Amino acid sequence: MIETVRHGGVGVLPTDTIYGIVGSALYEKTVKKIYRLRKRDPKKPMIILIGSLDDVRKFGIAITPAVKKILKKVWPGKVSVILSITKGSAVKKFRYLHRGTKSLAFRLPASSNLNDFLKKTGPLVAPSANVEGRPPAKTIKEAKHYFGDRVSFYIDVGRLTSKPSTLIKIENGTVVILRKGAVKG
């Protein structure tokens, strides 16, 4: 599975919240495939799972000491944080991820298994395992109903019933909750 992901493959696995359909965030072709499989609105960016805080730098994002302090309070955990791309060249390079917003949402999971996986694969886009507008898959059987053999692998850990991650944005040193989720704010 690790090699599959490293080479642009797509699969379904348990994230730290719910089942996600995942692929390398560094391959535009992989990200486009996930948009097609999910029938996702092309204007909506996806959350990127990272294995360490350093991973955000790969996307042209500079972390100020004030932002780092906030991130250390919410990560690792079930909180996705929208961060602005600060390097101009990265805005163009990662347009396929930010979809014109010039910002990306990241989550550093607390799950040690998932974190180990991310350290081996690199950052992954990881939207919920469902077709847009349908309920997120709580089981692999439901995920297979959505995607069948159009993904390379499925990792089954039984029924998952967590809420999606809490989504926040940091504006002028203040946390703004955009979506209430698994973590109460």
C-alpha atoms as a PDB file:
ATOM      1  CA  MET A   1       0.000   0.000   0.000  1.00  0.00           C
ATOM      2  CA  ILE A   2       2.797   2.430   0.836  1.00  0.00           C
ATOM      3  CA  GLU A   3       4.449   1.906  -2.557  1.00  0.00           C
ATOM      4  CA  THR A   4       1.066   2.155  -4.266  1.00  0.00           C
ATOM      5  CA  VAL A   5       0.473   5.571  -2.692  1.00  0.00           C
ATOM      6  CA  ARG A   6       4.039   6.721  -3.354  1.00  0.00           C
ATOM      7  CA  HIS A   7       3.494   5.971  -7.039  1.00  0.00           C
ATOM      8  CA  GLY A   8       0.191   7.831  -7.342  1.00  0.00           C
ATOM      9  CA  GLY A   9      -2.283   5.117  -6.352  1.00  0.00           C
ATOM     10  CA  VAL A  10      -5.544   5.788  -4.529  1.00  0.00           C
ATOM     11  CA  GLY A  11      -7.081   3.803  -1.676  1.00  0.00           C
ATOM     12  CA  VAL A  12      -9.546   3.915   1.198  1.00  0.00           C
ATOM     13  CA  LEU A  13      -8.327   3.766   4.768  1.00  0.00           C
ATOM     14  CA  PRO A  14      -9.342   4.802   8.266  1.00  0.00           C
ATOM     15  CA  THR A  15      -8.199   8.309   9.086  1.00  0.00           C
ATOM     16  CA  ASP A  16      -8.220   9.620  12.625  1.00  0.00           C
ATOM     17  CA  THR A  17     -11.901  10.501  12.178  1.00  0.00           C
ATOM     18  CA  ILE A  18     -13.703   8.548   9.437  1.00  0.00           C
ATOM     19  CA  TYR A  19     -12.798   6.492   6.362  1.00  0.00           C
ATOM     20  CA  GLY A  20     -11.063   8.608   3.755  1.00  0.00           C
ATOM     21  CA  ILE A  21     -10.238   8.141   0.109  1.00  0.00           C
ATOM     22  CA  VAL A  22      -6.540   8.965  -0.004  1.00  0.00           C
ATOM     23  CA  GLY A  23      -3.744   9.663  -2.443  1.00  0.00           C
ATOM     24  CA  SER A  24      -0.535  11.658  -2.578  1.00  0.00           C
ATOM     25  CA  ALA A  25      -1.095  15.391  -2.295  1.00  0.00           C
ATOM     26  CA  LEU A  26       2.079  15.871  -4.329  1.00  0.00           C
ATOM     27  CA  TYR A  27       0.700  14.274  -7.530  1.00  0.00           C
ATOM     28  CA  GLU A  28      -1.744  16.428  -9.462  1.00  0.00           C
ATOM     29  CA  LYS A  29      -2.968  13.410 -11.457  1.00  0.00           C
ATOM     30  CA  THR A  30      -3.821  11.555  -8.214  1.00  0.00           C
ATOM     31  CA  VAL A  31      -5.707  14.532  -6.794  1.00  0.00           C
ATOM     32  CA  LYS A  32      -7.692  14.868 -10.037  1.00  0.00           C
ATOM     33  CA  LYS A  33      -8.597  11.173  -9.871  1.00  0.00           C
ATOM     34  CA  ILE A  34      -9.981  11.592  -6.343  1.00  0.00           C
ATOM     35  CA  TYR A  35     -12.067  14.588  -7.481  1.00  0.00           C
ATOM     36  CA  ARG A  36     -13.512  12.417 -10.288  1.00  0.00           C
ATOM     37  CA  LEU A  37     -14.169   9.394  -8.050  1.00  0.00           C
ATOM     38  CA  ARG A  38     -15.950  11.507  -5.449  1.00  0.00           C
ATOM     39  CA  LYS A  39     -17.717  13.706  -8.031  1.00  0.00           C
ATOM     40  CA  ARG A  40     -16.450  16.539  -5.842  1.00  0.00           C
ATOM     41  CA  ASP A  41     -17.153  20.181  -6.603  1.00  0.00           C
ATOM     42  CA  PRO A  42     -13.952  21.291  -8.387  1.00  0.00           C
ATOM     43  CA  LYS A  43     -13.970  24.601  -6.488  1.00  0.00           C
ATOM     44  CA  LYS A  44     -13.687  22.900  -3.076  1.00  0.00           C
ATOM     45  CA  PRO A  45     -10.160  22.160  -1.800  1.00  0.00           C
ATOM     46  CA  MET A  46      -9.450  18.956   0.148  1.00  0.00           C
ATOM     47  CA  ILE A  47      -7.859  18.464   3.541  1.00  0.00           C
ATOM     48  CA  ILE A  48      -4.261  17.228   3.507  1.00  0.00           C
ATOM     49  CA  LEU A  49      -3.061  14.801   6.173  1.00  0.00           C
ATOM     50  CA  ILE A  50       0.550  15.351   7.246  1.00  0.00           C
ATOM     51  CA  GLY A  51       3.014  13.302   9.285  1.00  0.00           C
ATOM     52  CA  SER A  52       4.784  16.283  10.856  1.00  0.00           C
ATOM     53  CA  LEU A  53       4.530  20.046  11.132  1.00  0.00           C
ATOM     54  CA  ASP A  54       7.483  20.324   8.733  1.00  0.00           C
ATOM     55  CA  ASP A  55       5.322  18.866   5.932  1.00  0.00           C
ATOM     56  CA  VAL A  56       3.437  22.160   5.518  1.00  0.00           C
ATOM     57  CA  ARG A  57       6.637  23.807   4.262  1.00  0.00           C
ATOM     58  CA  LYS A  58       6.519  21.530   1.186  1.00  0.00           C
ATOM     59  CA  PHE A  59       3.472  23.551   0.105  1.00  0.00           C
ATOM     60  CA  GLY A  60       5.027  27.017   0.330  1.00  0.00           C
ATOM     61  CA  ILE A  61       3.652  27.825   3.752  1.00  0.00           C
ATOM     62  CA  ALA A  62       5.703  29.678   6.346  1.00  0.00           C
ATOM     63  CA  ILE A  63       4.679  29.183   9.952  1.00  0.00           C
ATOM     64  CA  THR A  64       5.055  32.223  12.195  1.00  0.00           C
ATOM     65  CA  PRO A  65       5.860  31.671  15.879  1.00  0.00           C
ATOM     66  CA  ALA A  66       2.311  32.786  16.822  1.00  0.00           C
ATOM     67  CA  VAL A  67       0.704  30.293  14.401  1.00  0.00           C
ATOM     68  CA  LYS A  68       3.094  27.535  15.511  1.00  0.00           C
ATOM     69  CA  LYS A  69       1.982  28.096  19.112  1.00  0.00           C
ATOM     70  CA  ILE A  70      -1.678  27.582  18.105  1.00  0.00           C
ATOM     71  CA  LEU A  71      -0.840  24.521  15.994  1.00  0.00           C
ATOM     72  CA  LYS A  72       0.974  22.900  18.914  1.00  0.00           C
ATOM     73  CA  LYS A  73      -2.220  23.280  20.973  1.00  0.00           C
ATOM     74  CA  VAL A  74      -4.488  21.580  18.401  1.00  0.00           C
ATOM     75  CA  TRP A  75      -2.053  19.053  16.864  1.00  0.00           C
ATOM     76  CA  PRO A  76      -1.811  16.191  16.802  1.00  0.00           C
ATOM     77  CA  GLY A  77      -5.559  15.834  16.811  1.00  0.00           C
ATOM     78  CA  LYS A  78      -8.858  15.911  14.958  1.00  0.00           C
ATOM     79  CA  VAL A  79      -8.529  19.555  13.951  1.00  0.00           C
ATOM     80  CA  SER A  80      -7.907  20.654  10.356  1.00  0.00           C
ATOM     81  CA  VAL A  81      -6.303  24.069  10.001  1.00  0.00           C
ATOM     82  CA  ILE A  82      -6.480  26.338   6.952  1.00  0.00           C
ATOM     83  CA  LEU A  83      -3.149  28.025   6.291  1.00  0.00           C
ATOM     84  CA  SER A  84      -2.280  30.582   3.608  1.00  0.00           C
ATOM     85  CA  ILE A  85       0.354  29.816   0.990  1.00  0.00           C
ATOM     86  CA  THR A  86       3.042  32.440   1.452  1.00  0.00           C
ATOM     87  CA  LYS A  87       5.449  31.668  -1.396  1.00  0.00           C
ATOM     88  CA  GLY A  88       4.300  33.009  -4.765  1.00  0.00           C
ATOM     89  CA  SER A  89       5.725  30.103  -6.792  1.00  0.00           C
ATOM     90  CA  ALA A  90       3.795  27.639  -4.612  1.00  0.00           C
ATOM     91  CA  VAL A  91       0.503  29.416  -5.372  1.00  0.00           C
ATOM     92  CA  LYS A  92       0.877  28.422  -9.032  1.00  0.00           C
ATOM     93  CA  LYS A  93       2.457  25.001  -8.370  1.00  0.00           C
ATOM     94  CA  PHE A  94      -0.305  23.877  -5.980  1.00  0.00           C
ATOM     95  CA  ARG A  95      -3.301  25.427  -7.732  1.00  0.00           C
ATOM     96  CA  TYR A  96      -4.610  21.879  -8.271  1.00  0.00           C
ATOM     97  CA  LEU A  97      -4.878  21.650  -4.460  1.00  0.00           C
ATOM     98  CA  HIS A  98      -5.955  25.128  -3.353  1.00  0.00           C
ATOM     99  CA  ARG A  99      -8.434  25.610  -6.239  1.00  0.00           C
ATOM    100  CA  GLY A 100      -7.874  29.368  -6.337  1.00  0.00           C
ATOM    101  CA  THR A 101      -8.150  29.970  -2.585  1.00  0.00           C
ATOM    102  CA  LYS A 102      -4.361  30.369  -2.093  1.00  0.00           C
ATOM    103  CA  SER A 103      -4.709  28.435   1.152  1.00  0.00           C
ATOM    104  CA  LEU A 104      -4.700  24.768   2.163  1.00  0.00           C
ATOM    105  CA  ALA A 105      -6.201  22.820   5.055  1.00  0.00           C
ATOM    106  CA  PHE A 106      -3.922  20.446   6.966  1.00  0.00           C
ATOM    107  CA  ARG A 107      -4.384  17.941   9.775  1.00  0.00           C
ATOM    108  CA  LEU A 108      -1.712  16.215  11.828  1.00  0.00           C
ATOM    109  CA  PRO A 109      -3.457  13.082  13.153  1.00  0.00           C
ATOM    110  CA  ALA A 110      -2.907  11.728  16.655  1.00  0.00           C
ATOM    111  CA  SER A 111      -3.309   8.116  15.443  1.00  0.00           C
ATOM    112  CA  SER A 112       0.151   6.529  15.644  1.00  0.00           C
ATOM    113  CA  ASN A 113      -0.667   3.985  12.895  1.00  0.00           C
ATOM    114  CA  LEU A 114      -1.849   6.698  10.530  1.00  0.00           C
ATOM    115  CA  ASN A 115       1.050   8.960  11.449  1.00  0.00           C
ATOM    116  CA  ASP A 116       3.558   6.168  10.714  1.00  0.00           C
ATOM    117  CA  PHE A 117       1.836   5.602   7.359  1.00  0.00           C
ATOM    118  CA  LEU A 118       2.059   9.333   6.539  1.00  0.00           C
ATOM    119  CA  LYS A 119       5.757   9.445   7.396  1.00  0.00           C
ATOM    120  CA  LYS A 120       6.317   6.700   4.801  1.00  0.00           C
ATOM    121  CA  THR A 121       3.982   8.010   2.085  1.00  0.00           C
ATOM    122  CA  GLY A 122       4.237  11.771   2.491  1.00  0.00           C
ATOM    123  CA  PRO A 123       1.250  14.142   2.679  1.00  0.00           C
ATOM    124  CA  LEU A 124      -2.096  12.712   1.550  1.00  0.00           C
ATOM    125  CA  VAL A 125      -5.304  14.326   0.381  1.00  0.00           C
ATOM    126  CA  ALA A 126      -7.959  12.578   2.435  1.00  0.00           C
ATOM    127  CA  PRO A 127     -11.564  13.601   1.856  1.00  0.00           C
ATOM    128  CA  SER A 128     -14.258  11.387   3.327  1.00  0.00           C
ATOM    129  CA  ALA A 129     -14.884   8.113   1.499  1.00  0.00           C
ATOM    130  CA  ASN A 130     -18.118   8.925  -0.286  1.00  0.00           C
ATOM    131  CA  VAL A 131     -19.535  10.488  -3.403  1.00  0.00           C
ATOM    132  CA  GLU A 132     -20.243  14.165  -2.757  1.00  0.00           C
ATOM    133  CA  GLY A 133     -23.702  14.685  -1.317  1.00  0.00           C
ATOM    134  CA  ARG A 134     -23.917  11.122   0.028  1.00  0.00           C
ATOM    135  CA  PRO A 135     -23.164  10.035   3.619  1.00  0.00           C
ATOM    136  CA  PRO A 136     -19.529   9.248   4.438  1.00  0.00           C
ATOM    137  CA  ALA A 137     -18.763   5.510   4.433  1.00  0.00           C
ATOM    138  CA  LYS A 138     -18.830   4.089   7.951  1.00  0.00           C
ATOM    139  CA  THR A 139     -17.685   0.662   6.754  1.00  0.00           C
ATOM    140  CA  ILE A 140     -15.508  -0.665   3.956  1.00  0.00           C
ATOM    141  CA  LYS A 141     -18.602  -2.316   2.479  1.00  0.00           C
ATOM    142  CA  GLU A 142     -20.138   1.159   2.074  1.00  0.00           C
ATOM    143  CA  ALA A 143     -16.875   2.515   0.627  1.00  0.00           C
ATOM    144  CA  LYS A 144     -16.756  -0.360  -1.888  1.00  0.00           C
ATOM    145  CA  HIS A 145     -20.319   0.485  -2.870  1.00  0.00           C
ATOM    146  CA  TYR A 146     -19.106   4.003  -3.773  1.00  0.00           C
ATOM    147  CA  PHE A 147     -15.786   3.142  -5.440  1.00  0.00           C
ATOM    148  CA  GLY A 148     -15.700  -0.595  -6.266  1.00  0.00           C
ATOM    149  CA  ASP A 149     -12.509  -1.613  -8.036  1.00  0.00           C
ATOM    150  CA  ARG A 150     -11.641   1.958  -9.086  1.00  0.00           C
ATOM    151  CA  VAL A 151      -9.292   2.285  -6.082  1.00  0.00           C
ATOM    152  CA  SER A 152      -6.170   0.192  -5.472  1.00  0.00           C
ATOM    153  CA  PHE A 153      -6.770  -0.875  -1.874  1.00  0.00           C
ATOM    154  CA  TYR A 154      -9.098  -0.830   1.129  1.00  0.00           C
ATOM    155  CA  ILE A 155      -8.025  -1.048   4.778  1.00  0.00           C
ATOM    156  CA  ASP A 156     -10.842  -2.355   6.966  1.00  0.00           C
ATOM    157  CA  VAL A 157     -10.911  -1.665  10.712  1.00  0.00           C
ATOM    158  CA  GLY A 158     -14.624  -2.179  11.176  1.00  0.00           C
ATOM    159  CA  ARG A 159     -17.298   0.469  11.644  1.00  0.00           C
ATOM    160  CA  LEU A 160     -16.127   4.071  12.176  1.00  0.00           C
ATOM    161  CA  THR A 161     -18.584   6.582  13.568  1.00  0.00           C
ATOM    162  CA  SER A 162     -16.564   9.684  14.460  1.00  0.00           C
ATOM    163  CA  LYS A 163     -17.593  13.103  13.230  1.00  0.00           C
ATOM    164  CA  PRO A 164     -15.396  14.750  10.580  1.00  0.00           C
ATOM    165  CA  SER A 165     -12.565  16.931  11.825  1.00  0.00           C
ATOM    166  CA  THR A 166     -13.174  20.367  13.283  1.00  0.00           C
ATOM    167  CA  LEU A 167     -12.092  22.954  10.683  1.00  0.00           C
ATOM    168  CA  ILE A 168     -10.452  26.179  11.801  1.00  0.00           C
ATOM    169  CA  LYS A 169      -8.695  29.160  10.304  1.00  0.00           C
ATOM    170  CA  ILE A 170      -6.221  31.401  12.103  1.00  0.00           C
ATOM    171  CA  GLU A 171      -6.859  35.090  11.414  1.00  0.00           C
ATOM    172  CA  ASN A 172      -4.641  37.721  13.042  1.00  0.00           C
ATOM    173  CA  GLY A 173      -3.662  35.302  15.797  1.00  0.00           C
ATOM    174  CA  THR A 174      -7.278  34.347  16.538  1.00  0.00           C
ATOM    175  CA  VAL A 175      -8.833  30.927  15.921  1.00  0.00           C
ATOM    176  CA  VAL A 176     -12.039  31.020  13.863  1.00  0.00           C
ATOM    177  CA  ILE A 177     -14.093  27.796  13.811  1.00  0.00           C
ATOM    178  CA  LEU A 178     -15.451  27.181  10.305  1.00  0.00           C
ATOM    179  CA  ARG A 179     -16.901  23.694  10.931  1.00  0.00           C
ATOM    180  CA  LYS A 180     -17.699  22.098  14.255  1.00  0.00           C
ATOM    181  CA  GLY A 181     -16.638  18.477  14.195  1.00  0.00           C
ATOM    182  CA  ALA A 182     -14.889  15.821  16.249  1.00  0.00           C
ATOM    183  CA  VAL A 183     -13.285  18.365  18.608  1.00  0.00           C
ATOM    184  CA  LYS A 184     -15.422  20.721  20.627  1.00  0.00           C
ATOM    185  CA  GLY A 185     -14.129  24.315  20.407  1.00  0.00           C
END
